[in-house]
């Protein structure tokens, strides 16, 4: 049985457990290079949460206060642009991350994150993660590179979705 499945069973009755086993965090490639002391610090300050299907984890434009690592489940990210077009992306566990665009210093959330299925997440306060990443510039650079690469991929997908919508609405315009 996977760690994530055991986590869901453990959390079903309580919904939230403060502090996380550092070995869970080490499975995320972005954190694998952390020194033991920093990994333990991050684990102590994080919490494991069971979020039922259909719940909003955070909403677009709200202030970012945490980064999430998905242990199990599926999270749907949606971005609504100024014209009302919605682009959706799925983050699947285990080892998916979301909310980490906040590491780039954006003033608000770029996406709304909703659970598509019952999901177990590790919620790490943004301020703590930034403090820990400041101790290891190489790790910080690697995580920020991963975030920007992922965001560029999502932006290309969103542009493609908008063009497909416009083409379907105005077939003679092409």
N, C-alpha and C. Protein backbone atom coordinates (compact mmCIF):
# COMPACT_ATOMS: atom_id res chain seq x y z
N UNK A 1 0.85 -1.17 0.00
CA UNK A 1 0.00 0.00 0.00
C UNK A 1 0.89 1.24 0.00
N UNK A 2 0.56 2.21 -0.82
CA UNK A 2 1.38 3.41 -0.93
C UNK A 2 1.26 4.28 0.30
N UNK A 3 2.27 5.13 0.50
CA UNK A 3 2.25 6.08 1.61
C UNK A 3 1.03 6.98 1.49
N UNK A 4 0.71 7.41 0.26
CA UNK A 4 -0.43 8.31 0.07
C UNK A 4 -1.73 7.63 0.47
N UNK A 5 -1.93 6.36 0.12
CA UNK A 5 -3.16 5.66 0.50
C UNK A 5 -3.27 5.54 2.01
N UNK A 6 -2.15 5.23 2.69
CA UNK A 6 -2.17 5.18 4.15
C UNK A 6 -2.49 6.56 4.71
N UNK A 7 -1.95 7.61 4.07
CA UNK A 7 -2.20 8.97 4.54
C UNK A 7 -3.68 9.31 4.47
N UNK A 8 -4.35 8.92 3.37
CA UNK A 8 -5.77 9.20 3.25
C UNK A 8 -6.53 8.52 4.37
N UNK A 9 -6.25 7.27 4.62
CA UNK A 9 -6.97 6.55 5.68
C UNK A 9 -6.72 7.19 7.03
N UNK A 10 -5.49 7.60 7.31
CA UNK A 10 -5.15 8.21 8.58
C UNK A 10 -5.86 9.55 8.74
N UNK A 11 -6.00 10.30 7.66
CA UNK A 11 -6.55 11.64 7.73
C UNK A 11 -8.07 11.69 7.63
N UNK A 12 -8.71 10.59 7.20
CA UNK A 12 -10.15 10.64 6.99
C UNK A 12 -10.90 11.14 8.22
N UNK A 13 -10.46 10.77 9.39
CA UNK A 13 -11.19 11.18 10.59
C UNK A 13 -10.75 12.55 11.09
N UNK A 14 -9.52 12.97 10.83
CA UNK A 14 -9.06 14.23 11.39
C UNK A 14 -8.96 15.36 10.37
N UNK A 15 -8.70 15.05 9.12
CA UNK A 15 -8.66 16.06 8.08
C UNK A 15 -7.35 16.81 7.97
N UNK A 16 -6.56 16.89 9.06
CA UNK A 16 -5.34 17.70 9.04
C UNK A 16 -4.37 17.16 10.08
N UNK A 17 -3.12 17.07 9.69
CA UNK A 17 -2.08 16.64 10.62
C UNK A 17 -0.94 17.64 10.51
N UNK A 18 -0.58 18.28 11.62
CA UNK A 18 0.52 19.24 11.62
C UNK A 18 1.84 18.50 11.63
N UNK A 19 2.79 19.01 10.92
CA UNK A 19 4.08 18.36 10.80
C UNK A 19 3.99 17.21 9.81
N UNK A 20 5.02 17.03 9.05
CA UNK A 20 5.03 16.04 7.98
C UNK A 20 6.32 15.22 8.13
N UNK A 21 6.25 13.97 7.78
CA UNK A 21 7.44 13.12 7.81
C UNK A 21 8.41 13.65 6.74
N UNK A 22 9.65 13.97 7.14
CA UNK A 22 10.61 14.50 6.16
C UNK A 22 10.84 13.58 4.97
N UNK A 23 10.68 12.27 5.14
CA UNK A 23 10.90 11.36 4.02
C UNK A 23 9.86 11.57 2.92
N UNK A 24 8.67 12.04 3.28
CA UNK A 24 7.67 12.36 2.25
C UNK A 24 8.14 13.54 1.40
N UNK A 25 8.70 14.55 2.06
CA UNK A 25 9.16 15.73 1.33
C UNK A 25 10.33 15.39 0.41
N UNK A 26 11.18 14.48 0.84
CA UNK A 26 12.35 14.13 0.05
C UNK A 26 11.96 13.51 -1.29
N UNK A 27 10.76 12.95 -1.40
CA UNK A 27 10.32 12.32 -2.65
C UNK A 27 10.03 13.35 -3.75
N UNK A 28 9.90 14.62 -3.38
CA UNK A 28 9.66 15.67 -4.37
C UNK A 28 11.01 16.13 -4.91
N UNK A 29 11.17 16.05 -6.21
CA UNK A 29 12.47 16.34 -6.81
C UNK A 29 12.96 17.74 -6.44
N UNK A 30 12.03 18.68 -6.27
CA UNK A 30 12.42 20.04 -5.93
C UNK A 30 13.09 20.12 -4.56
N UNK A 31 12.80 19.18 -3.68
CA UNK A 31 13.32 19.23 -2.32
C UNK A 31 14.37 18.16 -2.04
N UNK A 32 14.57 17.26 -2.98
CA UNK A 32 15.47 16.14 -2.76
C UNK A 32 16.88 16.52 -2.39
N UNK A 33 17.34 17.70 -2.80
CA UNK A 33 18.70 18.12 -2.52
C UNK A 33 18.88 18.86 -1.21
N UNK A 34 17.82 19.03 -0.44
CA UNK A 34 17.94 19.76 0.82
C UNK A 34 18.75 18.98 1.85
N UNK A 35 19.50 19.72 2.66
CA UNK A 35 20.20 19.10 3.78
C UNK A 35 19.15 18.61 4.79
N UNK A 36 19.53 17.61 5.58
CA UNK A 36 18.61 16.98 6.52
C UNK A 36 17.98 18.00 7.48
N UNK A 37 18.77 18.91 8.02
CA UNK A 37 18.24 19.89 8.99
C UNK A 37 17.19 20.79 8.34
N UNK A 38 17.45 21.22 7.11
CA UNK A 38 16.49 22.10 6.43
C UNK A 38 15.24 21.33 6.04
N UNK A 39 15.40 20.08 5.64
CA UNK A 39 14.25 19.25 5.29
C UNK A 39 13.37 19.03 6.53
N UNK A 40 13.99 18.77 7.67
CA UNK A 40 13.23 18.59 8.91
C UNK A 40 12.53 19.88 9.33
N UNK A 41 13.19 21.01 9.15
CA UNK A 41 12.57 22.31 9.45
C UNK A 41 11.33 22.53 8.59
N UNK A 42 11.46 22.23 7.32
CA UNK A 42 10.34 22.37 6.40
C UNK A 42 9.21 21.41 6.78
N UNK A 43 9.57 20.19 7.13
CA UNK A 43 8.56 19.18 7.51
C UNK A 43 7.80 19.61 8.77
N UNK A 44 8.51 20.14 9.77
CA UNK A 44 7.86 20.58 11.02
C UNK A 44 6.86 21.71 10.76
N UNK A 45 7.19 22.59 9.83
CA UNK A 45 6.34 23.74 9.56
C UNK A 45 5.22 23.49 8.57
N UNK A 46 5.20 22.30 7.98
CA UNK A 46 4.17 21.96 6.99
C UNK A 46 3.06 21.17 7.65
N UNK A 47 1.96 21.03 6.94
CA UNK A 47 0.88 20.19 7.44
C UNK A 47 0.31 19.36 6.30
N UNK A 48 -0.17 18.19 6.67
CA UNK A 48 -0.78 17.28 5.72
C UNK A 48 -2.29 17.46 5.84
N UNK A 49 -2.97 17.62 4.72
CA UNK A 49 -4.41 17.85 4.74
C UNK A 49 -5.12 16.89 3.79
N UNK A 50 -6.27 16.41 4.22
CA UNK A 50 -7.18 15.66 3.35
C UNK A 50 -8.24 16.66 2.92
N UNK A 51 -8.37 16.85 1.62
CA UNK A 51 -9.35 17.80 1.10
C UNK A 51 -10.33 17.01 0.25
N UNK A 52 -11.60 16.97 0.66
CA UNK A 52 -12.60 16.21 -0.10
C UNK A 52 -12.75 16.73 -1.53
N UNK A 53 -13.26 15.88 -2.40
CA UNK A 53 -13.50 16.25 -3.80
C UNK A 53 -14.44 17.45 -3.87
N UNK A 54 -14.19 18.31 -4.84
CA UNK A 54 -15.07 19.45 -5.08
C UNK A 54 -14.83 20.66 -4.21
N UNK A 55 -13.74 20.69 -3.47
CA UNK A 55 -13.43 21.82 -2.61
C UNK A 55 -12.41 22.74 -3.27
N UNK A 56 -12.50 24.01 -2.96
CA UNK A 56 -11.54 24.99 -3.46
C UNK A 56 -10.40 25.10 -2.46
N UNK A 57 -9.19 24.90 -2.95
CA UNK A 57 -8.00 25.03 -2.11
C UNK A 57 -7.63 26.50 -1.99
N UNK A 58 -7.65 27.20 -3.12
CA UNK A 58 -7.45 28.65 -3.14
C UNK A 58 -8.06 29.19 -4.42
N UNK A 59 -8.30 30.50 -4.46
CA UNK A 59 -8.95 31.14 -5.60
C UNK A 59 -7.99 32.08 -6.33
N UNK A 60 -8.24 32.23 -7.63
CA UNK A 60 -7.45 33.14 -8.46
C UNK A 60 -7.47 34.53 -7.84
N UNK A 61 -6.33 35.18 -7.86
CA UNK A 61 -6.11 36.55 -7.38
C UNK A 61 -6.01 36.69 -5.87
N UNK A 62 -6.36 35.66 -5.07
CA UNK A 62 -6.19 35.83 -3.64
C UNK A 62 -4.71 35.78 -3.29
N UNK A 63 -4.37 36.33 -2.16
CA UNK A 63 -2.99 36.38 -1.71
C UNK A 63 -2.45 34.97 -1.50
N UNK A 64 -1.22 34.74 -1.94
CA UNK A 64 -0.60 33.42 -1.82
C UNK A 64 0.13 33.33 -0.48
N UNK A 65 -0.21 32.30 0.28
CA UNK A 65 0.44 32.12 1.58
C UNK A 65 1.06 30.73 1.73
N UNK A 66 0.92 29.87 0.72
CA UNK A 66 1.43 28.50 0.83
C UNK A 66 1.69 27.91 -0.55
N UNK A 67 2.51 26.87 -0.54
CA UNK A 67 2.77 26.04 -1.71
C UNK A 67 2.28 24.65 -1.35
N UNK A 68 1.75 23.92 -2.33
CA UNK A 68 1.14 22.62 -2.07
C UNK A 68 1.86 21.53 -2.85
N UNK A 69 2.05 20.41 -2.18
CA UNK A 69 2.61 19.22 -2.80
C UNK A 69 1.55 18.13 -2.70
N UNK A 70 1.20 17.56 -3.81
CA UNK A 70 0.12 16.59 -3.88
C UNK A 70 0.65 15.19 -3.61
N UNK A 71 0.14 14.57 -2.55
CA UNK A 71 0.50 13.19 -2.23
C UNK A 71 -0.39 12.20 -2.97
N UNK A 72 -1.67 12.54 -3.07
CA UNK A 72 -2.61 11.64 -3.73
C UNK A 72 -3.81 12.45 -4.16
N UNK A 73 -4.44 12.02 -5.23
CA UNK A 73 -5.64 12.70 -5.71
C UNK A 73 -5.37 13.50 -6.96
N UNK A 74 -6.31 14.36 -7.28
CA UNK A 74 -6.23 15.20 -8.48
C UNK A 74 -6.73 16.59 -8.13
N UNK A 75 -6.00 17.58 -8.60
CA UNK A 75 -6.38 18.97 -8.41
C UNK A 75 -6.51 19.62 -9.77
N UNK A 76 -7.60 20.33 -9.97
CA UNK A 76 -7.84 21.04 -11.23
C UNK A 76 -7.47 22.51 -11.02
N UNK A 77 -6.59 23.02 -11.87
CA UNK A 77 -6.23 24.43 -11.85
C UNK A 77 -6.96 25.12 -12.99
N UNK A 78 -7.59 26.23 -12.68
CA UNK A 78 -8.32 26.99 -13.71
C UNK A 78 -7.88 28.44 -13.67
N UNK A 79 -7.66 28.99 -14.85
CA UNK A 79 -7.34 30.42 -14.97
C UNK A 79 -8.39 31.07 -15.86
N UNK A 80 -8.98 32.13 -15.36
CA UNK A 80 -9.96 32.90 -16.13
C UNK A 80 -9.29 34.21 -16.54
N UNK A 81 -9.19 34.45 -17.86
CA UNK A 81 -8.56 35.69 -18.31
C UNK A 81 -9.55 36.84 -18.28
N UNK A 82 -9.08 38.03 -18.63
CA UNK A 82 -9.92 39.23 -18.55
C UNK A 82 -11.12 39.19 -19.50
N UNK A 83 -11.09 38.31 -20.51
CA UNK A 83 -12.22 38.16 -21.43
C UNK A 83 -13.17 37.04 -21.02
N UNK A 84 -12.89 36.42 -19.89
CA UNK A 84 -13.77 35.37 -19.39
C UNK A 84 -13.43 33.97 -19.89
N UNK A 85 -12.39 33.85 -20.73
CA UNK A 85 -11.98 32.54 -21.21
C UNK A 85 -11.34 31.76 -20.05
N UNK A 86 -11.70 30.50 -19.95
CA UNK A 86 -11.17 29.66 -18.88
C UNK A 86 -10.27 28.58 -19.48
N UNK A 87 -9.09 28.47 -18.92
CA UNK A 87 -8.17 27.39 -19.30
C UNK A 87 -7.99 26.52 -18.06
N UNK A 88 -8.06 25.21 -18.25
CA UNK A 88 -7.97 24.29 -17.11
C UNK A 88 -6.79 23.35 -17.29
N UNK A 89 -6.18 23.01 -16.17
CA UNK A 89 -5.04 22.11 -16.13
C UNK A 89 -5.24 21.15 -14.97
N UNK A 90 -4.78 19.95 -15.14
CA UNK A 90 -4.91 18.95 -14.08
C UNK A 90 -3.54 18.67 -13.48
N UNK A 91 -3.49 18.66 -12.15
CA UNK A 91 -2.30 18.25 -11.43
C UNK A 91 -2.66 16.93 -10.76
N UNK A 92 -1.88 15.91 -11.00
CA UNK A 92 -2.19 14.61 -10.42
C UNK A 92 -1.08 14.20 -9.45
N UNK A 93 -1.49 13.49 -8.40
CA UNK A 93 -0.52 13.00 -7.42
C UNK A 93 -0.07 11.63 -7.81
N UNK A 94 0.94 11.12 -7.24
CA UNK A 94 1.78 11.80 -6.26
C UNK A 94 2.89 12.62 -6.91
N UNK A 95 3.44 13.50 -6.18
CA UNK A 95 4.58 14.33 -6.51
C UNK A 95 4.27 15.52 -7.41
N UNK A 96 3.01 15.82 -7.62
CA UNK A 96 2.66 17.04 -8.33
C UNK A 96 2.71 18.20 -7.35
N UNK A 97 3.01 19.37 -7.85
CA UNK A 97 3.00 20.56 -7.00
C UNK A 97 2.08 21.60 -7.62
N UNK A 98 1.54 22.46 -6.77
CA UNK A 98 0.75 23.58 -7.28
C UNK A 98 0.84 24.72 -6.28
N UNK A 99 0.55 25.92 -6.76
CA UNK A 99 0.68 27.11 -5.92
C UNK A 99 2.11 27.62 -5.86
N UNK A 100 3.02 26.94 -6.56
CA UNK A 100 4.42 27.35 -6.48
C UNK A 100 4.77 28.51 -7.40
N UNK A 101 3.81 28.98 -8.17
CA UNK A 101 4.04 30.21 -8.95
C UNK A 101 4.29 31.37 -7.99
N UNK A 102 3.79 31.23 -6.76
CA UNK A 102 4.00 32.26 -5.74
C UNK A 102 5.49 32.49 -5.47
N UNK A 103 6.33 31.49 -5.76
CA UNK A 103 7.77 31.64 -5.57
C UNK A 103 8.35 32.71 -6.49
N UNK A 104 7.63 33.03 -7.55
CA UNK A 104 8.10 34.03 -8.51
C UNK A 104 7.76 35.45 -8.07
N UNK A 105 7.09 35.57 -6.93
CA UNK A 105 6.78 36.89 -6.39
C UNK A 105 5.50 37.52 -6.92
N UNK A 106 4.64 36.73 -7.54
CA UNK A 106 3.37 37.27 -8.05
C UNK A 106 2.53 37.78 -6.88
N UNK A 107 1.83 38.89 -7.06
CA UNK A 107 1.06 39.46 -5.96
C UNK A 107 -0.18 38.64 -5.57
N UNK A 108 -0.67 37.83 -6.48
CA UNK A 108 -1.86 37.02 -6.18
C UNK A 108 -1.81 35.70 -6.92
N UNK A 109 -2.72 34.81 -6.56
CA UNK A 109 -2.78 33.50 -7.19
C UNK A 109 -3.14 33.64 -8.67
N UNK A 110 -2.47 32.89 -9.51
CA UNK A 110 -2.74 32.91 -10.95
C UNK A 110 -3.91 32.00 -11.29
N UNK A 111 -4.10 30.94 -10.51
CA UNK A 111 -5.13 29.95 -10.74
C UNK A 111 -6.08 29.85 -9.57
N UNK A 112 -7.24 29.25 -9.83
CA UNK A 112 -8.10 28.70 -8.79
C UNK A 112 -7.79 27.22 -8.76
N UNK A 113 -7.59 26.67 -7.57
CA UNK A 113 -7.28 25.24 -7.42
C UNK A 113 -8.45 24.55 -6.73
N UNK A 114 -9.04 23.58 -7.43
CA UNK A 114 -10.16 22.80 -6.90
C UNK A 114 -9.79 21.32 -6.89
N UNK A 115 -10.22 20.61 -5.87
CA UNK A 115 -9.95 19.17 -5.83
C UNK A 115 -10.93 18.46 -6.75
N UNK A 116 -10.39 17.69 -7.68
CA UNK A 116 -11.22 16.91 -8.61
C UNK A 116 -11.59 15.57 -7.99
N UNK A 117 -10.82 15.14 -7.00
CA UNK A 117 -11.09 13.92 -6.23
C UNK A 117 -10.58 14.18 -4.82
N UNK A 118 -10.93 13.32 -3.90
CA UNK A 118 -10.38 13.46 -2.55
C UNK A 118 -8.87 13.49 -2.69
N UNK A 119 -8.24 14.47 -2.10
CA UNK A 119 -6.81 14.67 -2.29
C UNK A 119 -6.09 14.86 -0.97
N UNK A 120 -4.90 14.32 -0.89
CA UNK A 120 -4.04 14.53 0.26
C UNK A 120 -2.92 15.45 -0.20
N UNK A 121 -2.77 16.58 0.49
CA UNK A 121 -1.76 17.56 0.12
C UNK A 121 -0.87 17.87 1.32
N UNK A 122 0.33 18.27 1.02
CA UNK A 122 1.21 18.85 2.02
C UNK A 122 1.18 20.35 1.78
N UNK A 123 0.74 21.10 2.78
CA UNK A 123 0.66 22.56 2.69
C UNK A 123 1.86 23.13 3.42
N UNK A 124 2.70 23.85 2.68
CA UNK A 124 3.89 24.45 3.25
C UNK A 124 3.77 25.97 3.17
N UNK A 125 3.87 26.67 4.30
CA UNK A 125 3.80 28.12 4.27
C UNK A 125 4.85 28.70 3.31
N UNK A 126 4.42 29.64 2.49
CA UNK A 126 5.31 30.25 1.51
C UNK A 126 6.52 30.89 2.18
N UNK A 127 6.30 31.59 3.28
CA UNK A 127 7.41 32.27 3.96
C UNK A 127 8.46 31.27 4.43
N UNK A 128 8.04 30.13 4.95
CA UNK A 128 8.99 29.10 5.40
C UNK A 128 9.75 28.52 4.22
N UNK A 129 9.04 28.22 3.14
CA UNK A 129 9.71 27.66 1.96
C UNK A 129 10.74 28.63 1.41
N UNK A 130 10.40 29.91 1.36
CA UNK A 130 11.36 30.91 0.86
C UNK A 130 12.59 30.99 1.76
N UNK A 131 12.39 30.92 3.09
CA UNK A 131 13.52 30.93 4.02
C UNK A 131 14.44 29.73 3.78
N UNK A 132 13.84 28.55 3.61
CA UNK A 132 14.63 27.34 3.40
C UNK A 132 15.35 27.39 2.05
N UNK A 133 14.65 27.83 1.02
CA UNK A 133 15.29 27.91 -0.30
C UNK A 133 16.43 28.93 -0.31
N UNK A 134 16.35 29.96 0.53
CA UNK A 134 17.42 30.96 0.61
C UNK A 134 18.71 30.36 1.14
N UNK A 135 18.64 29.23 1.82
CA UNK A 135 19.85 28.57 2.34
C UNK A 135 20.56 27.76 1.26
N UNK A 136 19.89 27.53 0.14
CA UNK A 136 20.48 26.72 -0.93
C UNK A 136 20.14 27.33 -2.29
N UNK A 137 20.97 28.27 -2.76
CA UNK A 137 20.68 28.96 -4.02
C UNK A 137 20.51 28.03 -5.22
N UNK A 138 21.26 26.93 -5.26
CA UNK A 138 21.12 26.00 -6.39
C UNK A 138 19.75 25.36 -6.40
N UNK A 139 19.28 24.97 -5.23
CA UNK A 139 17.96 24.37 -5.11
C UNK A 139 16.87 25.39 -5.46
N UNK A 140 17.03 26.61 -4.97
CA UNK A 140 16.06 27.67 -5.29
C UNK A 140 16.01 27.91 -6.79
N UNK A 141 17.17 27.96 -7.41
CA UNK A 141 17.23 28.19 -8.86
C UNK A 141 16.56 27.04 -9.61
N UNK A 142 16.79 25.82 -9.18
CA UNK A 142 16.17 24.66 -9.84
C UNK A 142 14.66 24.69 -9.70
N UNK A 143 14.15 25.04 -8.52
CA UNK A 143 12.71 25.07 -8.32
C UNK A 143 12.10 26.20 -9.17
N UNK A 144 12.71 27.35 -9.16
CA UNK A 144 12.17 28.47 -9.93
C UNK A 144 12.22 28.16 -11.43
N UNK A 145 13.26 27.49 -11.88
CA UNK A 145 13.33 27.07 -13.29
C UNK A 145 12.17 26.12 -13.61
N UNK A 146 11.90 25.16 -12.71
CA UNK A 146 10.79 24.22 -12.93
C UNK A 146 9.46 24.95 -12.97
N UNK A 147 9.27 25.92 -12.09
CA UNK A 147 8.02 26.68 -12.06
C UNK A 147 7.84 27.49 -13.34
N UNK A 148 8.88 28.17 -13.78
CA UNK A 148 8.75 28.99 -14.99
C UNK A 148 8.54 28.14 -16.23
N UNK A 149 9.22 26.99 -16.30
CA UNK A 149 9.02 26.08 -17.44
C UNK A 149 7.59 25.58 -17.48
N UNK A 150 7.07 25.18 -16.32
CA UNK A 150 5.69 24.70 -16.24
C UNK A 150 4.71 25.81 -16.59
N UNK A 151 4.95 27.01 -16.11
CA UNK A 151 4.06 28.14 -16.41
C UNK A 151 4.08 28.46 -17.90
N UNK A 152 5.23 28.41 -18.52
CA UNK A 152 5.30 28.67 -19.97
C UNK A 152 4.51 27.62 -20.73
N UNK A 153 4.60 26.36 -20.31
CA UNK A 153 3.84 25.28 -20.95
C UNK A 153 2.34 25.54 -20.81
N UNK A 154 1.91 25.95 -19.62
CA UNK A 154 0.49 26.24 -19.39
C UNK A 154 0.02 27.43 -20.23
N UNK A 155 0.87 28.46 -20.34
CA UNK A 155 0.51 29.63 -21.14
C UNK A 155 0.34 29.25 -22.61
N UNK A 156 1.22 28.40 -23.13
CA UNK A 156 1.08 27.95 -24.52
C UNK A 156 -0.21 27.17 -24.71
N UNK A 157 -0.53 26.31 -23.74
CA UNK A 157 -1.76 25.53 -23.82
C UNK A 157 -2.97 26.46 -23.77
N UNK A 158 -2.93 27.47 -22.90
CA UNK A 158 -4.03 28.40 -22.79
C UNK A 158 -4.22 29.17 -24.09
N UNK A 159 -3.14 29.63 -24.69
CA UNK A 159 -3.24 30.36 -25.96
C UNK A 159 -3.84 29.46 -27.03
N UNK A 160 -3.45 28.22 -27.07
CA UNK A 160 -3.99 27.28 -28.04
C UNK A 160 -5.49 27.06 -27.82
N UNK A 161 -5.90 26.95 -26.55
CA UNK A 161 -7.32 26.76 -26.22
C UNK A 161 -8.13 27.98 -26.67
N UNK A 162 -7.62 29.17 -26.42
CA UNK A 162 -8.32 30.40 -26.82
C UNK A 162 -8.44 30.46 -28.34
N UNK A 163 -7.37 30.13 -29.06
CA UNK A 163 -7.43 30.14 -30.53
C UNK A 163 -8.43 29.13 -31.06
N UNK A 164 -8.50 27.95 -30.45
CA UNK A 164 -9.46 26.93 -30.86
C UNK A 164 -10.89 27.41 -30.62
N UNK A 165 -11.11 28.09 -29.50
CA UNK A 165 -12.44 28.62 -29.18
C UNK A 165 -12.84 29.68 -30.20
N UNK A 166 -11.93 30.57 -30.52
CA UNK A 166 -12.20 31.64 -31.49
C UNK A 166 -12.45 31.03 -32.87
N UNK A 167 -11.63 30.06 -33.27
CA UNK A 167 -11.80 29.40 -34.57
C UNK A 167 -13.14 28.70 -34.67
N UNK A 168 -13.58 28.08 -33.57
CA UNK A 168 -14.87 27.39 -33.57
C UNK A 168 -16.02 28.40 -33.65
N UNK A 169 -15.86 29.54 -33.02
CA UNK A 169 -16.92 30.56 -33.02
C UNK A 169 -16.98 31.32 -34.34
N UNK A 170 -15.84 31.49 -34.98
CA UNK A 170 -15.76 32.25 -36.22
C UNK A 170 -15.01 31.44 -37.28
N UNK A 171 -15.61 30.37 -37.80
CA UNK A 171 -14.90 29.49 -38.74
C UNK A 171 -14.46 30.18 -40.03
N UNK A 172 -15.14 31.24 -40.45
CA UNK A 172 -14.78 31.90 -41.70
C UNK A 172 -13.64 32.91 -41.53
N UNK A 173 -13.28 33.20 -40.27
CA UNK A 173 -12.23 34.19 -40.00
C UNK A 173 -10.85 33.65 -40.35
N UNK A 174 -10.70 32.35 -40.41
CA UNK A 174 -9.38 31.77 -40.69
C UNK A 174 -9.11 31.92 -42.13
